[in-house]
Amino acid sequence: MEKLEQKLKGRVALVTGSARGLGRAYALRLARLGADVVINDIRLDAAKEFDEELTADTVMDECKALGVRSIGIEADVSKKDQVEAMARQIVDELGSLDILVNNAGGMLRPAETGHASTMTEDDLRFTLDINLMSTIFCCQAAAGPMKKRGWGRMVNVASQAAVGGWPAGVHYGIAKAGVVRYTRSLATELGPHGINVNCIAPALILSSRALVQDPHRKDAGPRIPLRRVGVPEDCAKVIEFFCTDLSDYVTGQCLAVCGGLCMTAT
């Protein structure tokens, strides 16, 4: 594995939903950059559910093998009290909370039942909770420790679904659109405190869950301008950009990570 400059040595990062998939890729990238990493998920053994192979017993152990500290915290980030308790534990055990990547969420209710005029209240509230409310709760909990340090990086995860007009999966699209809007307001508010807040909006990425839910996703390359479907590391590299000095003068932005698909989608 390529050795990366230790730009984040001495920083503490929290990545939500990081026991597998995209979140795991983000956590490992930050660990390779020298950050101590907190792995959060509703289940820390989530990789088993999707047969995702780890290089150690846990993602925490994978991070430790890269020479950094790492702890795992099982918490439901759609619950404000659990998020606040997690933030306190991180500061107590690791000394600070400098970087937050809000990865937890996803479209976990059927897209085909998510039409604007007929989606159920339960599907809508659930999808808003795990995508939008979780992001808000985590950002609020991390803002205090970051203000005290006078430095922080928050990266929220939206989706190309936030800007599309597709008739299905509307509950997910509006949740992610809310993430984009919240990111911009929070960036304005926290900028004077030395905290940068940005957002990524991926499209078709080959995560372990996506491959189980949509086995044909891997065949979508021909309709993407870069002629391939994205992999988790494509997004992890953008997380690196937003969490390091490479983006010191960038805040309030939402960057599409889609291989150009956003230019062709209708």
C-alpha atoms as a PDB file:
ATOM      1  CA  MET A   1       0.000   0.000   0.000  1.00  0.00           C
ATOM      2  CA  GLU A   2       1.330   3.402  -1.017  1.00  0.00           C
ATOM      3  CA  LYS A   3       2.652   5.405   1.927  1.00  0.00           C
ATOM      4  CA  LEU A   4       0.991   8.796   2.309  1.00  0.00           C
ATOM      5  CA  GLU A   5       2.377  11.977   3.833  1.00  0.00           C
ATOM      6  CA  GLN A   6       1.281  12.158   7.469  1.00  0.00           C
ATOM      7  CA  LYS A   7      -0.663  15.380   7.040  1.00  0.00           C
ATOM      8  CA  LEU A   8      -3.217  14.490   9.711  1.00  0.00           C
ATOM      9  CA  LYS A   9      -0.899  13.211  12.424  1.00  0.00           C
ATOM     10  CA  GLY A  10      -2.198  14.356  15.797  1.00  0.00           C
ATOM     11  CA  ARG A  11      -5.760  14.778  14.531  1.00  0.00           C
ATOM     12  CA  VAL A  12      -8.731  12.680  15.632  1.00  0.00           C
ATOM     13  CA  ALA A  13     -11.305  11.709  13.022  1.00  0.00           C
ATOM     14  CA  LEU A  14     -14.784  10.247  13.387  1.00  0.00           C
ATOM     15  CA  VAL A  15     -16.234   8.417  10.393  1.00  0.00           C
ATOM     16  CA  THR A  16     -19.838   7.332  10.788  1.00  0.00           C
ATOM     17  CA  GLY A  17     -21.032   4.136   9.158  1.00  0.00           C
ATOM     18  CA  SER A  18     -17.446   2.979   8.784  1.00  0.00           C
ATOM     19  CA  ALA A  19     -17.516  -0.696   9.732  1.00  0.00           C
ATOM     20  CA  ARG A  20     -17.761  -1.578   6.029  1.00  0.00           C
ATOM     21  CA  GLY A  21     -18.024  -0.151   2.527  1.00  0.00           C
ATOM     22  CA  LEU A  22     -17.394   3.475   1.703  1.00  0.00           C
ATOM     23  CA  GLY A  23     -17.043   4.481   5.339  1.00  0.00           C
ATOM     24  CA  ARG A  24     -14.329   1.893   5.845  1.00  0.00           C
ATOM     25  CA  ALA A  25     -12.460   3.267   2.815  1.00  0.00           C
ATOM     26  CA  TYR A  26     -12.650   6.780   4.274  1.00  0.00           C
ATOM     27  CA  ALA A  27     -11.444   5.596   7.684  1.00  0.00           C
ATOM     28  CA  LEU A  28      -8.481   3.744   6.219  1.00  0.00           C
ATOM     29  CA  ARG A  29      -7.533   6.713   4.039  1.00  0.00           C
ATOM     30  CA  LEU A  30      -7.522   9.040   7.046  1.00  0.00           C
ATOM     31  CA  ALA A  31      -5.497   6.516   9.045  1.00  0.00           C
ATOM     32  CA  ARG A  32      -2.965   6.333   6.228  1.00  0.00           C
ATOM     33  CA  LEU A  33      -2.690  10.120   6.508  1.00  0.00           C
ATOM     34  CA  GLY A  34      -1.828   9.762  10.203  1.00  0.00           C
ATOM     35  CA  ALA A  35      -5.157  10.537  11.878  1.00  0.00           C
ATOM     36  CA  ASP A  36      -6.412   8.578  14.860  1.00  0.00           C
ATOM     37  CA  VAL A  37      -9.745   7.175  13.712  1.00  0.00           C
ATOM     38  CA  VAL A  38     -13.019   6.420  15.470  1.00  0.00           C
ATOM     39  CA  ILE A  39     -15.035   3.729  13.728  1.00  0.00           C
ATOM     40  CA  ASN A  40     -18.751   4.187  14.257  1.00  0.00           C
ATOM     41  CA  ASP A  41     -21.553   1.961  13.085  1.00  0.00           C
ATOM     42  CA  ILE A  42     -24.804   0.580  14.354  1.00  0.00           C
ATOM     43  CA  ARG A  43     -22.970  -2.779  14.243  1.00  0.00           C
ATOM     44  CA  LEU A  44     -19.192  -2.925  14.239  1.00  0.00           C
ATOM     45  CA  ASP A  45     -19.259  -6.312  12.515  1.00  0.00           C
ATOM     46  CA  ALA A  46     -21.345  -4.991   9.612  1.00  0.00           C
ATOM     47  CA  ALA A  47     -18.810  -6.189   7.016  1.00  0.00           C
ATOM     48  CA  LYS A  48     -19.945  -9.775   7.620  1.00  0.00           C
ATOM     49  CA  GLU A  49     -23.443  -8.990   6.371  1.00  0.00           C
ATOM     50  CA  PHE A  50     -22.126  -8.204   2.897  1.00  0.00           C
ATOM     51  CA  ASP A  51     -19.189 -10.640   2.853  1.00  0.00           C
ATOM     52  CA  GLU A  52     -16.704  -7.769   2.793  1.00  0.00           C
ATOM     53  CA  GLU A  53     -13.243  -9.104   3.468  1.00  0.00           C
ATOM     54  CA  LEU A  54     -11.132  -7.216   6.004  1.00  0.00           C
ATOM     55  CA  THR A  55      -7.357  -7.390   6.342  1.00  0.00           C
ATOM     56  CA  ALA A  56      -7.663  -7.775  10.129  1.00  0.00           C
ATOM     57  CA  ASP A  57     -10.303  -8.847  12.632  1.00  0.00           C
ATOM     58  CA  THR A  58     -11.972  -5.416  12.681  1.00  0.00           C
ATOM     59  CA  VAL A  59     -11.698  -2.081  10.896  1.00  0.00           C
ATOM     60  CA  MET A  60     -10.221  -0.692  14.116  1.00  0.00           C
ATOM     61  CA  ASP A  61      -7.456  -3.287  13.881  1.00  0.00           C
ATOM     62  CA  GLU A  62      -6.895  -2.361  10.234  1.00  0.00           C
ATOM     63  CA  CYS A  63      -6.377   1.256  11.290  1.00  0.00           C
ATOM     64  CA  LYS A  64      -4.074   0.307  14.164  1.00  0.00           C
ATOM     65  CA  ALA A  65      -1.944  -1.681  11.732  1.00  0.00           C
ATOM     66  CA  LEU A  66      -1.295   1.642   9.984  1.00  0.00           C
ATOM     67  CA  GLY A  67       0.287   3.010  13.163  1.00  0.00           C
ATOM     68  CA  VAL A  68      -2.570   5.104  14.570  1.00  0.00           C
ATOM     69  CA  ARG A  69      -4.962   4.845  17.475  1.00  0.00           C
ATOM     70  CA  SER A  70      -8.446   3.590  16.745  1.00  0.00           C
ATOM     71  CA  ILE A  71     -11.552   2.824  18.771  1.00  0.00           C
ATOM     72  CA  GLY A  72     -14.954   1.500  17.754  1.00  0.00           C
ATOM     73  CA  ILE A  73     -18.261   2.867  19.012  1.00  0.00           C
ATOM     74  CA  GLU A  74     -21.582   1.244  18.269  1.00  0.00           C
ATOM     75  CA  ALA A  75     -24.175   4.019  18.149  1.00  0.00           C
ATOM     76  CA  ASP A  76     -27.273   4.897  16.166  1.00  0.00           C
ATOM     77  CA  VAL A  77     -26.436   8.333  14.777  1.00  0.00           C
ATOM     78  CA  SER A  78     -30.099   9.076  14.069  1.00  0.00           C
ATOM     79  CA  LYS A  79     -30.501   9.337  17.871  1.00  0.00           C
ATOM     80  CA  LYS A  80     -29.265  12.657  19.266  1.00  0.00           C
ATOM     81  CA  ASP A  81     -28.524  11.328  22.755  1.00  0.00           C
ATOM     82  CA  GLN A  82     -26.356   8.517  21.374  1.00  0.00           C
ATOM     83  CA  VAL A  83     -24.450  10.965  19.159  1.00  0.00           C
ATOM     84  CA  GLU A  84     -23.763  13.321  22.052  1.00  0.00           C
ATOM     85  CA  ALA A  85     -22.562  10.435  24.232  1.00  0.00           C
ATOM     86  CA  MET A  86     -20.269   9.271  21.420  1.00  0.00           C
ATOM     87  CA  ALA A  87     -18.725  12.728  21.038  1.00  0.00           C
ATOM     88  CA  ARG A  88     -18.027  12.904  24.779  1.00  0.00           C
ATOM     89  CA  GLN A  89     -16.428   9.457  24.715  1.00  0.00           C
ATOM     90  CA  ILE A  90     -14.169  10.423  21.807  1.00  0.00           C
ATOM     91  CA  VAL A  91     -12.892  13.544  23.548  1.00  0.00           C
ATOM     92  CA  ASP A  92     -12.449  11.695  26.854  1.00  0.00           C
ATOM     93  CA  GLU A  93     -10.528   8.768  25.313  1.00  0.00           C
ATOM     94  CA  LEU A  94      -8.625  10.405  22.425  1.00  0.00           C
ATOM     95  CA  GLY A  95      -8.374  14.022  23.554  1.00  0.00           C
ATOM     96  CA  SER A  96     -10.139  15.842  20.723  1.00  0.00           C
ATOM     97  CA  LEU A  97     -12.480  15.578  17.768  1.00  0.00           C
ATOM     98  CA  ASP A  98     -10.991  17.356  14.764  1.00  0.00           C
ATOM     99  CA  ILE A  99     -12.456  15.673  11.684  1.00  0.00           C
ATOM    100  CA  LEU A 100     -15.961  14.409  11.037  1.00  0.00           C
ATOM    101  CA  VAL A 101     -17.081  12.428   8.000  1.00  0.00           C
ATOM    102  CA  ASN A 102     -20.841  11.885   7.965  1.00  0.00           C
ATOM    103  CA  ASN A 103     -21.061   8.737   5.899  1.00  0.00           C
ATOM    104  CA  ALA A 104     -23.850   6.840   7.680  1.00  0.00           C
ATOM    105  CA  GLY A 105     -27.094   6.507   5.762  1.00  0.00           C
ATOM    106  CA  GLY A 106     -28.212   5.327   2.368  1.00  0.00           C
ATOM    107  CA  MET A 107     -31.375   4.421   0.495  1.00  0.00           C
ATOM    108  CA  LEU A 108     -32.550   1.629   2.745  1.00  0.00           C
ATOM    109  CA  ARG A 109     -36.198   1.719   1.723  1.00  0.00           C
ATOM    110  CA  PRO A 110     -37.247   0.624  -1.787  1.00  0.00           C
ATOM    111  CA  ALA A 111     -36.729   3.250  -4.486  1.00  0.00           C
ATOM    112  CA  GLU A 112     -39.789   2.025  -6.353  1.00  0.00           C
ATOM    113  CA  THR A 113     -42.066   2.884  -3.407  1.00  0.00           C
ATOM    114  CA  GLY A 114     -40.465   6.300  -2.932  1.00  0.00           C
ATOM    115  CA  HIS A 115     -42.646   8.337  -5.301  1.00  0.00           C
ATOM    116  CA  ALA A 116     -43.346  11.935  -4.334  1.00  0.00           C
ATOM    117  CA  SER A 117     -47.127  11.632  -4.201  1.00  0.00           C
ATOM    118  CA  THR A 118     -47.392   8.192  -2.614  1.00  0.00           C
ATOM    119  CA  MET A 119     -44.349   7.464  -0.391  1.00  0.00           C
ATOM    120  CA  THR A 120     -45.344   6.448   3.117  1.00  0.00           C
ATOM    121  CA  GLU A 121     -44.744   8.563   6.171  1.00  0.00           C
ATOM    122  CA  ASP A 122     -42.719   5.741   7.730  1.00  0.00           C
ATOM    123  CA  ASP A 123     -40.382   5.455   4.719  1.00  0.00           C
ATOM    124  CA  LEU A 124     -39.957   9.227   4.562  1.00  0.00           C
ATOM    125  CA  ARG A 125     -39.240   9.721   8.263  1.00  0.00           C
ATOM    126  CA  PHE A 126     -36.862   6.761   8.395  1.00  0.00           C
ATOM    127  CA  THR A 127     -34.908   7.983   5.364  1.00  0.00           C
ATOM    128  CA  LEU A 128     -34.726  11.550   6.652  1.00  0.00           C
ATOM    129  CA  ASP A 129     -33.578  10.304  10.062  1.00  0.00           C
ATOM    130  CA  ILE A 130     -30.701   8.127   8.862  1.00  0.00           C
ATOM    131  CA  ASN A 131     -29.436  10.592   6.233  1.00  0.00           C
ATOM    132  CA  LEU A 132     -30.298  14.162   7.216  1.00  0.00           C
ATOM    133  CA  MET A 133     -30.955  14.108  10.947  1.00  0.00           C
ATOM    134  CA  SER A 134     -27.890  11.950  11.599  1.00  0.00           C
ATOM    135  CA  THR A 135     -25.742  14.480   9.743  1.00  0.00           C
ATOM    136  CA  ILE A 136     -27.179  17.384  11.706  1.00  0.00           C
ATOM    137  CA  PHE A 137     -26.787  15.658  15.072  1.00  0.00           C
ATOM    138  CA  CYS A 138     -23.170  14.671  14.389  1.00  0.00           C
ATOM    139  CA  CYS A 139     -22.188  18.127  13.129  1.00  0.00           C
ATOM    140  CA  GLN A 140     -23.750  19.759  16.171  1.00  0.00           C
ATOM    141  CA  ALA A 141     -21.931  17.386  18.525  1.00  0.00           C
ATOM    142  CA  ALA A 142     -18.577  17.909  16.789  1.00  0.00           C
ATOM    143  CA  ALA A 143     -18.861  21.700  16.525  1.00  0.00           C
ATOM    144  CA  GLY A 144     -18.097  22.312  20.204  1.00  0.00           C
ATOM    145  CA  PRO A 145     -14.788  20.420  20.359  1.00  0.00           C
ATOM    146  CA  MET A 146     -13.707  21.887  17.021  1.00  0.00           C
ATOM    147  CA  LYS A 147     -14.477  25.441  18.135  1.00  0.00           C
ATOM    148  CA  LYS A 148     -12.336  24.925  21.228  1.00  0.00           C
ATOM    149  CA  ARG A 149      -9.398  23.877  19.032  1.00  0.00           C
ATOM    150  CA  GLY A 150     -10.006  26.635  16.487  1.00  0.00           C
ATOM    151  CA  TRP A 151      -9.723  24.062  13.685  1.00  0.00           C
ATOM    152  CA  GLY A 152     -11.956  21.442  12.179  1.00  0.00           C
ATOM    153  CA  ARG A 153     -12.994  19.647   9.030  1.00  0.00           C
ATOM    154  CA  MET A 154     -16.499  18.334   8.431  1.00  0.00           C
ATOM    155  CA  VAL A 155     -17.357  16.374   5.300  1.00  0.00           C
ATOM    156  CA  ASN A 156     -20.962  15.416   4.706  1.00  0.00           C
ATOM    157  CA  VAL A 157     -22.063  12.811   2.201  1.00  0.00           C
ATOM    158  CA  ALA A 158     -24.904  13.680  -0.167  1.00  0.00           C
ATOM    159  CA  SER A 159     -25.691  12.023  -3.502  1.00  0.00           C
ATOM    160  CA  GLN A 160     -26.413  12.834  -7.112  1.00  0.00           C
ATOM    161  CA  ALA A 161     -29.977  11.885  -6.163  1.00  0.00           C
ATOM    162  CA  ALA A 162     -30.131  15.267  -4.403  1.00  0.00           C
ATOM    163  CA  VAL A 163     -30.170  17.179  -7.673  1.00  0.00           C
ATOM    164  CA  GLY A 164     -32.039  14.792  -9.971  1.00  0.00           C
ATOM    165  CA  GLY A 165     -35.690  14.752 -10.911  1.00  0.00           C
ATOM    166  CA  TRP A 166     -36.116  10.992 -11.000  1.00  0.00           C
ATOM    167  CA  PRO A 167     -39.612   9.837  -9.971  1.00  0.00           C
ATOM    168  CA  ALA A 168     -38.382   7.000  -7.717  1.00  0.00           C
ATOM    169  CA  GLY A 169     -36.375   7.222  -4.503  1.00  0.00           C
ATOM    170  CA  VAL A 170     -37.674  10.707  -3.737  1.00  0.00           C
ATOM    171  CA  HIS A 171     -37.412  10.169   0.037  1.00  0.00           C
ATOM    172  CA  TYR A 172     -33.668   9.599  -0.385  1.00  0.00           C
ATOM    173  CA  GLY A 173     -33.215  12.481  -2.824  1.00  0.00           C
ATOM    174  CA  ILE A 174     -34.825  15.073  -0.593  1.00  0.00           C
ATOM    175  CA  ALA A 175     -32.877  13.826   2.437  1.00  0.00           C
ATOM    176  CA  LYS A 176     -29.611  14.267   0.550  1.00  0.00           C
ATOM    177  CA  ALA A 177     -30.724  17.650  -0.821  1.00  0.00           C
ATOM    178  CA  GLY A 178     -31.204  18.684   2.799  1.00  0.00           C
ATOM    179  CA  VAL A 179     -27.640  17.590   3.537  1.00  0.00           C
ATOM    180  CA  VAL A 180     -26.333  19.910   0.800  1.00  0.00           C
ATOM    181  CA  ARG A 181     -28.345  22.876   2.070  1.00  0.00           C
ATOM    182  CA  TYR A 182     -27.334  22.242   5.680  1.00  0.00           C
ATOM    183  CA  THR A 183     -23.667  22.001   4.659  1.00  0.00           C
ATOM    184  CA  ARG A 184     -23.724  25.465   3.111  1.00  0.00           C
ATOM    185  CA  SER A 185     -25.363  27.147   6.083  1.00  0.00           C
ATOM    186  CA  LEU A 186     -23.082  25.402   8.559  1.00  0.00           C
ATOM    187  CA  ALA A 187     -19.997  26.400   6.575  1.00  0.00           C
ATOM    188  CA  THR A 188     -21.030  30.052   6.798  1.00  0.00           C
ATOM    189  CA  GLU A 189     -21.610  29.786  10.538  1.00  0.00           C
ATOM    190  CA  LEU A 190     -18.451  27.862  11.449  1.00  0.00           C
ATOM    191  CA  GLY A 191     -15.977  29.467   9.052  1.00  0.00           C
ATOM    192  CA  PRO A 192     -14.983  32.196  11.547  1.00  0.00           C
ATOM    193  CA  HIS A 193     -14.001  29.420  13.983  1.00  0.00           C
ATOM    194  CA  GLY A 194     -11.509  27.829  11.579  1.00  0.00           C
ATOM    195  CA  ILE A 195     -13.851  24.999  10.634  1.00  0.00           C
ATOM    196  CA  ASN A 196     -14.348  24.010   6.990  1.00  0.00           C
ATOM    197  CA  VAL A 197     -17.580  22.232   6.075  1.00  0.00           C
ATOM    198  CA  ASN A 198     -17.959  20.574   2.689  1.00  0.00           C
ATOM    199  CA  CYS A 199     -19.892  17.826   0.997  1.00  0.00           C
ATOM    200  CA  ILE A 200     -19.416  15.101  -1.600  1.00  0.00           C
ATOM    201  CA  ALA A 201     -22.149  13.817  -3.906  1.00  0.00           C
ATOM    202  CA  PRO A 202     -21.247  10.399  -5.307  1.00  0.00           C
ATOM    203  CA  ALA A 203     -23.163   8.593  -8.022  1.00  0.00           C
ATOM    204  CA  LEU A 204     -22.573   4.943  -8.963  1.00  0.00           C
ATOM    205  CA  ILE A 205     -19.939   3.506  -6.627  1.00  0.00           C
ATOM    206  CA  LEU A 206     -19.120  -0.193  -6.224  1.00  0.00           C
ATOM    207  CA  SER A 207     -19.491  -0.572  -2.471  1.00  0.00           C
ATOM    208  CA  SER A 208     -20.160  -3.973  -0.935  1.00  0.00           C
ATOM    209  CA  ARG A 209     -23.787  -3.091  -0.134  1.00  0.00           C
ATOM    210  CA  ALA A 210     -24.428  -1.606  -3.581  1.00  0.00           C
ATOM    211  CA  LEU A 211     -23.195  -4.771  -5.259  1.00  0.00           C
ATOM    212  CA  VAL A 212     -25.601  -6.867  -3.183  1.00  0.00           C
ATOM    213  CA  GLN A 213     -28.561  -4.542  -3.718  1.00  0.00           C
ATOM    214  CA  ASP A 214     -27.821  -3.840  -7.399  1.00  0.00           C
ATOM    215  CA  PRO A 215     -25.634  -6.541  -9.003  1.00  0.00           C
ATOM    216  CA  HIS A 216     -25.910  -4.854 -12.421  1.00  0.00           C
ATOM    217  CA  ARG A 217     -24.298  -1.626 -11.196  1.00  0.00           C
ATOM    218  CA  LYS A 218     -20.883  -2.919 -12.246  1.00  0.00           C
ATOM    219  CA  ASP A 219     -22.082  -2.932 -15.874  1.00  0.00           C
ATOM    220  CA  ALA A 220     -22.930   0.790 -15.965  1.00  0.00           C
ATOM    221  CA  GLY A 221     -19.496   1.932 -17.193  1.00  0.00           C
ATOM    222  CA  PRO A 222     -20.458   2.522 -20.850  1.00  0.00           C
ATOM    223  CA  ARG A 223     -22.936   5.270 -19.911  1.00  0.00           C
ATOM    224  CA  ILE A 224     -20.437   7.140 -17.697  1.00  0.00           C
ATOM    225  CA  PRO A 225     -18.131   9.686 -19.428  1.00  0.00           C
ATOM    226  CA  LEU A 226     -15.019   8.210 -17.750  1.00  0.00           C
ATOM    227  CA  ARG A 227     -16.226   4.768 -18.881  1.00  0.00           C
ATOM    228  CA  ARG A 228     -16.033   3.034 -15.536  1.00  0.00           C
ATOM    229  CA  VAL A 229     -18.051   2.728 -12.365  1.00  0.00           C
ATOM    230  CA  GLY A 230     -16.497   4.322  -9.299  1.00  0.00           C
ATOM    231  CA  VAL A 231     -14.847   2.435  -6.454  1.00  0.00           C
ATOM    232  CA  PRO A 232     -14.710   3.490  -2.782  1.00  0.00           C
ATOM    233  CA  GLU A 233     -11.145   4.762  -3.128  1.00  0.00           C
ATOM    234  CA  ASP A 234     -12.324   7.330  -5.702  1.00  0.00           C
ATOM    235  CA  CYS A 235     -14.442   8.927  -2.993  1.00  0.00           C
ATOM    236  CA  ALA A 236     -11.776   8.421  -0.298  1.00  0.00           C
ATOM    237  CA  LYS A 237      -9.328  10.558  -2.276  1.00  0.00           C
ATOM    238  CA  VAL A 238     -11.824  13.420  -2.265  1.00  0.00           C
ATOM    239  CA  ILE A 239     -12.293  12.962   1.481  1.00  0.00           C
ATOM    240  CA  GLU A 240      -8.512  13.416   1.764  1.00  0.00           C
ATOM    241  CA  PHE A 241      -8.762  16.671  -0.200  1.00  0.00           C
ATOM    242  CA  PHE A 242     -11.449  18.066   2.083  1.00  0.00           C
ATOM    243  CA  CYS A 243      -9.711  16.989   5.319  1.00  0.00           C
ATOM    244  CA  THR A 244      -6.185  18.236   4.604  1.00  0.00           C
ATOM    245  CA  ASP A 245      -4.455  21.483   3.737  1.00  0.00           C
ATOM    246  CA  LEU A 246      -5.276  20.888   0.068  1.00  0.00           C
ATOM    247  CA  SER A 247      -8.667  22.509   0.708  1.00  0.00           C
ATOM    248  CA  ASP A 248      -7.707  25.167   3.252  1.00  0.00           C
ATOM    249  CA  TYR A 249      -9.567  27.856   1.289  1.00  0.00           C
ATOM    250  CA  VAL A 250     -12.562  25.722   0.301  1.00  0.00           C
ATOM    251  CA  THR A 251     -15.764  25.597   2.337  1.00  0.00           C
ATOM    252  CA  GLY A 252     -19.492  25.261   1.744  1.00  0.00           C
ATOM    253  CA  GLN A 253     -18.983  23.260  -1.439  1.00  0.00           C
ATOM    254  CA  CYS A 254     -20.592  20.075  -2.750  1.00  0.00           C
ATOM    255  CA  LEU A 255     -18.359  18.136  -5.137  1.00  0.00           C
ATOM    256  CA  ALA A 256     -19.785  15.532  -7.494  1.00  0.00           C
ATOM    257  CA  VAL A 257     -17.797  12.285  -7.470  1.00  0.00           C
ATOM    258  CA  CYS A 258     -19.478  10.600 -10.396  1.00  0.00           C
ATOM    259  CA  GLY A 259     -17.105  10.119 -13.319  1.00  0.00           C
ATOM    260  CA  GLY A 260     -19.034  12.812 -15.181  1.00  0.00           C
ATOM    261  CA  LEU A 261     -22.397  11.077 -14.911  1.00  0.00           C
ATOM    262  CA  CYS A 262     -23.976  14.251 -13.516  1.00  0.00           C
ATOM    263  CA  MET A 263     -23.399  15.915 -16.911  1.00  0.00           C
ATOM    264  CA  THR A 264     -25.376  13.273 -18.759  1.00  0.00           C
ATOM    265  CA  ALA A 265     -28.186  12.469 -16.324  1.00  0.00           C
ATOM    266  CA  THR A 266     -31.642  13.722 -17.153  1.00  0.00           C
END
